[in-house]
């Protein structure tokens, strides 16, 4: 898997579901811009950059092709965002990777 060698995160700060954006560098070779950090009903997730097609549908222009790669990208981006903007992540969990408070397996 290509390592994420740099992560830049930015807060959106408008109070809506998009908490911020991220740019990542892959293997010191490629940069992917405008990944969205989104607060959903089940937790925070990373939305992929997309373009709108002629029918008005959004098509992802960058996306991981395995669950392992998606988990790695999500964890890396959200942990960077959490470190930079802890107040925006307070009480939030990463969808699919962390359990919400009070929902343990015990």
N, C-alpha and C. Protein backbone atom coordinates (compact mmCIF):
# COMPACT_ATOMS: atom_id res chain seq x y z
N UNK A 1 0.84 -1.18 0.00
CA UNK A 1 0.00 0.00 0.00
C UNK A 1 0.89 1.24 0.00
N UNK A 2 0.48 2.24 -0.75
CA UNK A 2 1.23 3.49 -0.81
C UNK A 2 1.01 4.25 0.50
N UNK A 3 2.09 4.64 1.17
CA UNK A 3 1.92 5.33 2.45
C UNK A 3 1.47 6.78 2.26
N UNK A 4 0.68 7.26 3.20
CA UNK A 4 0.33 8.68 3.25
C UNK A 4 1.48 9.36 3.98
N UNK A 5 2.25 10.17 3.27
CA UNK A 5 3.45 10.76 3.83
C UNK A 5 3.24 12.17 4.37
N UNK A 6 2.11 12.80 4.02
CA UNK A 6 1.81 14.12 4.55
C UNK A 6 0.30 14.31 4.56
N UNK A 7 -0.19 14.91 5.63
CA UNK A 7 -1.62 15.20 5.75
C UNK A 7 -1.78 16.65 6.18
N UNK A 8 -2.56 17.41 5.42
CA UNK A 8 -2.89 18.79 5.77
C UNK A 8 -4.39 18.84 5.99
N UNK A 9 -4.82 19.41 7.13
CA UNK A 9 -6.25 19.48 7.43
C UNK A 9 -6.66 20.92 7.68
N UNK A 10 -7.90 21.23 7.32
CA UNK A 10 -8.44 22.57 7.45
C UNK A 10 -9.86 22.48 7.98
N UNK A 11 -10.20 23.30 8.98
CA UNK A 11 -11.56 23.34 9.52
C UNK A 11 -12.44 24.17 8.61
N UNK A 12 -13.67 23.74 8.45
CA UNK A 12 -14.63 24.51 7.66
C UNK A 12 -15.30 25.57 8.53
N UNK A 13 -15.70 25.19 9.75
CA UNK A 13 -16.19 26.14 10.72
C UNK A 13 -17.53 26.77 10.44
N UNK A 14 -18.41 26.14 9.65
CA UNK A 14 -19.71 26.74 9.37
C UNK A 14 -20.84 26.08 10.16
N UNK A 15 -20.51 25.09 10.98
CA UNK A 15 -21.53 24.45 11.81
C UNK A 15 -22.37 23.41 11.10
N UNK A 16 -22.11 23.15 9.84
CA UNK A 16 -22.88 22.13 9.11
C UNK A 16 -22.19 20.78 9.25
N UNK A 17 -22.60 19.81 8.46
CA UNK A 17 -22.06 18.45 8.57
C UNK A 17 -20.61 18.33 8.13
N UNK A 18 -20.15 19.17 7.22
CA UNK A 18 -18.75 19.11 6.81
C UNK A 18 -17.93 19.84 7.86
N UNK A 19 -17.09 19.08 8.56
CA UNK A 19 -16.25 19.65 9.61
C UNK A 19 -15.03 20.34 9.03
N UNK A 20 -14.50 19.79 7.92
CA UNK A 20 -13.31 20.36 7.33
C UNK A 20 -12.90 19.63 6.07
N UNK A 21 -11.70 19.94 5.62
CA UNK A 21 -11.14 19.34 4.41
C UNK A 21 -9.72 18.87 4.68
N UNK A 22 -9.24 17.99 3.83
CA UNK A 22 -7.87 17.50 3.95
C UNK A 22 -7.24 17.36 2.58
N UNK A 23 -5.93 17.53 2.56
CA UNK A 23 -5.10 17.22 1.39
C UNK A 23 -4.10 16.19 1.88
N UNK A 24 -3.88 15.15 1.09
CA UNK A 24 -2.91 14.13 1.47
C UNK A 24 -1.86 13.97 0.38
N UNK A 25 -0.66 13.61 0.80
CA UNK A 25 0.42 13.28 -0.13
C UNK A 25 0.65 11.79 -0.03
N UNK A 26 0.68 11.12 -1.17
CA UNK A 26 0.87 9.68 -1.24
C UNK A 26 2.29 9.37 -1.67
N UNK A 27 3.04 8.74 -0.78
CA UNK A 27 4.40 8.30 -1.10
C UNK A 27 5.31 9.40 -1.59
N UNK A 28 5.13 10.62 -1.13
CA UNK A 28 5.92 11.76 -1.59
C UNK A 28 5.92 11.88 -3.11
N UNK A 29 4.82 11.43 -3.75
CA UNK A 29 4.75 11.42 -5.20
C UNK A 29 3.51 12.11 -5.75
N UNK A 30 2.34 11.85 -5.14
CA UNK A 30 1.07 12.41 -5.61
C UNK A 30 0.36 13.13 -4.47
N UNK A 31 -0.40 14.17 -4.81
CA UNK A 31 -1.21 14.89 -3.84
C UNK A 31 -2.68 14.72 -4.23
N UNK A 32 -3.51 14.44 -3.25
CA UNK A 32 -4.96 14.37 -3.44
C UNK A 32 -5.55 15.49 -2.59
N UNK A 33 -6.30 16.37 -3.23
CA UNK A 33 -6.87 17.53 -2.52
C UNK A 33 -8.37 17.35 -2.32
N UNK A 34 -8.86 18.08 -1.33
CA UNK A 34 -10.29 18.23 -1.08
C UNK A 34 -11.02 16.96 -0.64
N UNK A 35 -10.38 16.17 0.22
CA UNK A 35 -11.12 15.12 0.89
C UNK A 35 -11.96 15.83 1.96
N UNK A 36 -13.22 15.46 2.10
CA UNK A 36 -14.10 16.11 3.06
C UNK A 36 -14.17 15.30 4.35
N UNK A 37 -14.11 15.98 5.47
CA UNK A 37 -14.28 15.35 6.77
C UNK A 37 -15.70 15.68 7.20
N UNK A 38 -16.54 14.63 7.26
CA UNK A 38 -17.98 14.80 7.40
C UNK A 38 -18.49 14.15 8.67
N UNK A 39 -19.39 14.86 9.37
CA UNK A 39 -20.05 14.30 10.54
C UNK A 39 -21.38 13.71 10.09
N UNK A 40 -21.45 12.36 10.12
CA UNK A 40 -22.67 11.66 9.74
C UNK A 40 -23.41 11.17 10.97
N UNK A 41 -24.55 10.53 10.77
CA UNK A 41 -25.37 10.03 11.87
C UNK A 41 -24.66 8.95 12.68
N UNK A 42 -23.79 8.18 12.04
CA UNK A 42 -23.11 7.07 12.71
C UNK A 42 -21.66 7.37 13.07
N UNK A 43 -21.21 8.59 12.82
CA UNK A 43 -19.84 8.96 13.13
C UNK A 43 -19.22 9.81 12.03
N UNK A 44 -17.96 10.12 12.22
CA UNK A 44 -17.22 10.95 11.26
C UNK A 44 -16.62 10.04 10.18
N UNK A 45 -16.69 10.50 8.94
CA UNK A 45 -16.08 9.74 7.84
C UNK A 45 -15.41 10.69 6.88
N UNK A 46 -14.62 10.14 5.96
CA UNK A 46 -13.93 10.94 4.95
C UNK A 46 -14.64 10.75 3.62
N UNK A 47 -15.12 11.85 3.06
CA UNK A 47 -15.75 11.83 1.73
C UNK A 47 -14.69 12.10 0.68
N UNK A 48 -14.76 11.36 -0.39
CA UNK A 48 -13.76 11.47 -1.45
C UNK A 48 -14.04 12.68 -2.34
N UNK A 49 -12.98 13.24 -2.95
CA UNK A 49 -13.19 14.34 -3.89
C UNK A 49 -14.01 13.86 -5.08
N UNK A 50 -14.88 14.72 -5.58
CA UNK A 50 -15.76 14.29 -6.67
C UNK A 50 -16.03 15.43 -7.64
N UNK A 51 -16.52 15.06 -8.80
CA UNK A 51 -16.97 16.01 -9.81
C UNK A 51 -18.42 15.69 -10.15
N UNK A 52 -19.15 16.69 -10.62
CA UNK A 52 -20.53 16.50 -11.04
C UNK A 52 -20.56 16.18 -12.53
N UNK A 53 -21.31 15.13 -12.90
CA UNK A 53 -21.40 14.78 -14.32
C UNK A 53 -22.57 15.53 -14.98
N UNK A 54 -22.81 15.26 -16.23
CA UNK A 54 -23.85 15.98 -17.00
C UNK A 54 -25.25 15.76 -16.44
N UNK A 55 -25.48 14.63 -15.78
CA UNK A 55 -26.79 14.34 -15.21
C UNK A 55 -26.94 14.90 -13.79
N UNK A 56 -25.93 15.61 -13.31
CA UNK A 56 -26.00 16.20 -11.98
C UNK A 56 -25.58 15.27 -10.86
N UNK A 57 -25.09 14.08 -11.20
CA UNK A 57 -24.66 13.12 -10.19
C UNK A 57 -23.20 13.39 -9.84
N UNK A 58 -22.85 13.14 -8.59
CA UNK A 58 -21.46 13.30 -8.17
C UNK A 58 -20.72 11.98 -8.35
N UNK A 59 -19.56 12.04 -8.97
CA UNK A 59 -18.72 10.88 -9.23
C UNK A 59 -17.39 11.08 -8.51
N UNK A 60 -17.03 10.13 -7.65
CA UNK A 60 -15.74 10.21 -6.97
C UNK A 60 -14.62 10.13 -7.99
N UNK A 61 -13.64 11.03 -7.86
CA UNK A 61 -12.51 11.03 -8.79
C UNK A 61 -11.27 10.40 -8.17
N UNK A 62 -11.34 10.09 -6.90
CA UNK A 62 -10.28 9.39 -6.19
C UNK A 62 -10.98 8.55 -5.12
N UNK A 63 -10.56 7.29 -4.99
CA UNK A 63 -11.17 6.45 -3.96
C UNK A 63 -10.31 5.23 -3.74
N UNK A 64 -10.29 4.72 -2.50
CA UNK A 64 -9.55 3.49 -2.22
C UNK A 64 -10.30 2.30 -2.81
N UNK A 65 -9.56 1.27 -3.22
CA UNK A 65 -10.23 0.11 -3.82
C UNK A 65 -10.32 -1.08 -2.89
N UNK A 66 -9.82 -0.95 -1.68
CA UNK A 66 -9.98 -2.02 -0.70
C UNK A 66 -10.41 -1.42 0.64
N UNK A 67 -11.03 -2.23 1.47
CA UNK A 67 -11.45 -1.76 2.79
C UNK A 67 -10.23 -1.40 3.63
N UNK A 68 -9.15 -2.16 3.49
CA UNK A 68 -7.93 -1.88 4.22
C UNK A 68 -7.39 -0.48 3.87
N UNK A 69 -7.39 -0.15 2.59
CA UNK A 69 -6.92 1.15 2.15
C UNK A 69 -7.84 2.27 2.63
N UNK A 70 -9.16 2.03 2.58
CA UNK A 70 -10.13 3.02 3.06
C UNK A 70 -9.94 3.28 4.55
N UNK A 71 -9.79 2.21 5.34
CA UNK A 71 -9.58 2.35 6.78
C UNK A 71 -8.31 3.13 7.09
N UNK A 72 -7.23 2.83 6.35
CA UNK A 72 -5.95 3.52 6.55
C UNK A 72 -6.09 5.01 6.25
N UNK A 73 -6.70 5.35 5.11
CA UNK A 73 -6.89 6.73 4.73
C UNK A 73 -7.78 7.45 5.75
N UNK A 74 -8.89 6.83 6.12
CA UNK A 74 -9.82 7.44 7.07
C UNK A 74 -9.16 7.69 8.41
N UNK A 75 -8.51 6.68 8.95
CA UNK A 75 -7.87 6.82 10.26
C UNK A 75 -6.78 7.91 10.23
N UNK A 76 -5.97 7.93 9.18
CA UNK A 76 -4.88 8.90 9.08
C UNK A 76 -5.42 10.33 9.00
N UNK A 77 -6.41 10.56 8.14
CA UNK A 77 -6.96 11.89 7.96
C UNK A 77 -7.68 12.36 9.22
N UNK A 78 -8.53 11.52 9.78
CA UNK A 78 -9.32 11.95 10.93
C UNK A 78 -8.45 12.11 12.17
N UNK A 79 -7.46 11.27 12.34
CA UNK A 79 -6.56 11.46 13.49
C UNK A 79 -5.77 12.76 13.37
N UNK A 80 -5.37 13.14 12.16
CA UNK A 80 -4.70 14.44 11.96
C UNK A 80 -5.66 15.59 12.26
N UNK A 81 -6.90 15.45 11.81
CA UNK A 81 -7.90 16.48 12.07
C UNK A 81 -8.18 16.58 13.57
N UNK A 82 -8.28 15.45 14.24
CA UNK A 82 -8.54 15.41 15.69
C UNK A 82 -7.40 16.08 16.46
N UNK A 83 -6.17 15.85 16.01
CA UNK A 83 -5.01 16.46 16.67
C UNK A 83 -4.99 17.98 16.47
N UNK A 84 -5.33 18.43 15.26
CA UNK A 84 -5.29 19.85 14.93
C UNK A 84 -6.50 20.62 15.48
N UNK A 85 -7.68 19.98 15.48
CA UNK A 85 -8.92 20.64 15.89
C UNK A 85 -9.69 19.79 16.90
N UNK A 86 -9.12 19.58 18.08
CA UNK A 86 -9.77 18.69 19.06
C UNK A 86 -11.17 19.14 19.45
N UNK A 87 -11.41 20.44 19.48
CA UNK A 87 -12.72 20.94 19.87
C UNK A 87 -13.81 20.54 18.88
N UNK A 88 -13.48 20.39 17.61
CA UNK A 88 -14.47 19.99 16.59
C UNK A 88 -14.75 18.49 16.63
N UNK A 89 -13.84 17.71 17.20
CA UNK A 89 -13.99 16.26 17.24
C UNK A 89 -14.46 15.75 18.61
N UNK A 90 -14.68 16.66 19.53
CA UNK A 90 -15.05 16.28 20.89
C UNK A 90 -16.33 15.44 20.88
N UNK A 91 -16.23 14.23 21.46
CA UNK A 91 -17.38 13.34 21.56
C UNK A 91 -17.73 12.59 20.29
N UNK A 92 -16.97 12.79 19.21
CA UNK A 92 -17.26 12.14 17.93
C UNK A 92 -16.35 10.93 17.74
N UNK A 93 -16.85 9.93 17.03
CA UNK A 93 -16.06 8.73 16.73
C UNK A 93 -15.93 8.59 15.22
N UNK A 94 -14.96 7.77 14.82
CA UNK A 94 -14.74 7.49 13.40
C UNK A 94 -15.68 6.37 12.99
N UNK A 95 -16.54 6.64 12.03
CA UNK A 95 -17.51 5.65 11.56
C UNK A 95 -16.80 4.40 11.05
N UNK A 96 -17.20 3.26 11.57
CA UNK A 96 -16.65 1.97 11.16
C UNK A 96 -15.35 1.58 11.81
N UNK A 97 -14.70 2.50 12.53
CA UNK A 97 -13.41 2.20 13.12
C UNK A 97 -13.40 2.36 14.64
N UNK A 98 -14.33 3.12 15.18
CA UNK A 98 -14.43 3.32 16.62
C UNK A 98 -15.88 3.14 17.01
N UNK A 99 -16.10 2.67 18.21
CA UNK A 99 -17.47 2.52 18.69
C UNK A 99 -17.93 3.80 19.35
N UNK A 100 -19.18 4.21 19.07
CA UNK A 100 -19.72 5.38 19.77
C UNK A 100 -19.78 5.15 21.27
N UNK A 101 -19.66 6.20 22.07
CA UNK A 101 -19.72 6.04 23.52
C UNK A 101 -21.01 5.33 23.94
N UNK A 102 -20.88 4.41 24.89
CA UNK A 102 -22.05 3.69 25.40
C UNK A 102 -22.50 2.53 24.56
N UNK A 103 -21.78 2.21 23.49
CA UNK A 103 -22.19 1.10 22.62
C UNK A 103 -21.13 0.02 22.57
N UNK A 104 -20.51 -0.26 23.70
CA UNK A 104 -19.47 -1.29 23.77
C UNK A 104 -20.02 -2.68 23.57
N UNK A 105 -19.14 -3.60 23.32
CA UNK A 105 -19.52 -5.00 23.06
C UNK A 105 -19.54 -5.82 24.32
N UNK A 106 -19.96 -5.29 25.41
CA UNK A 106 -19.87 -6.03 26.64
C UNK A 106 -21.14 -6.31 27.21
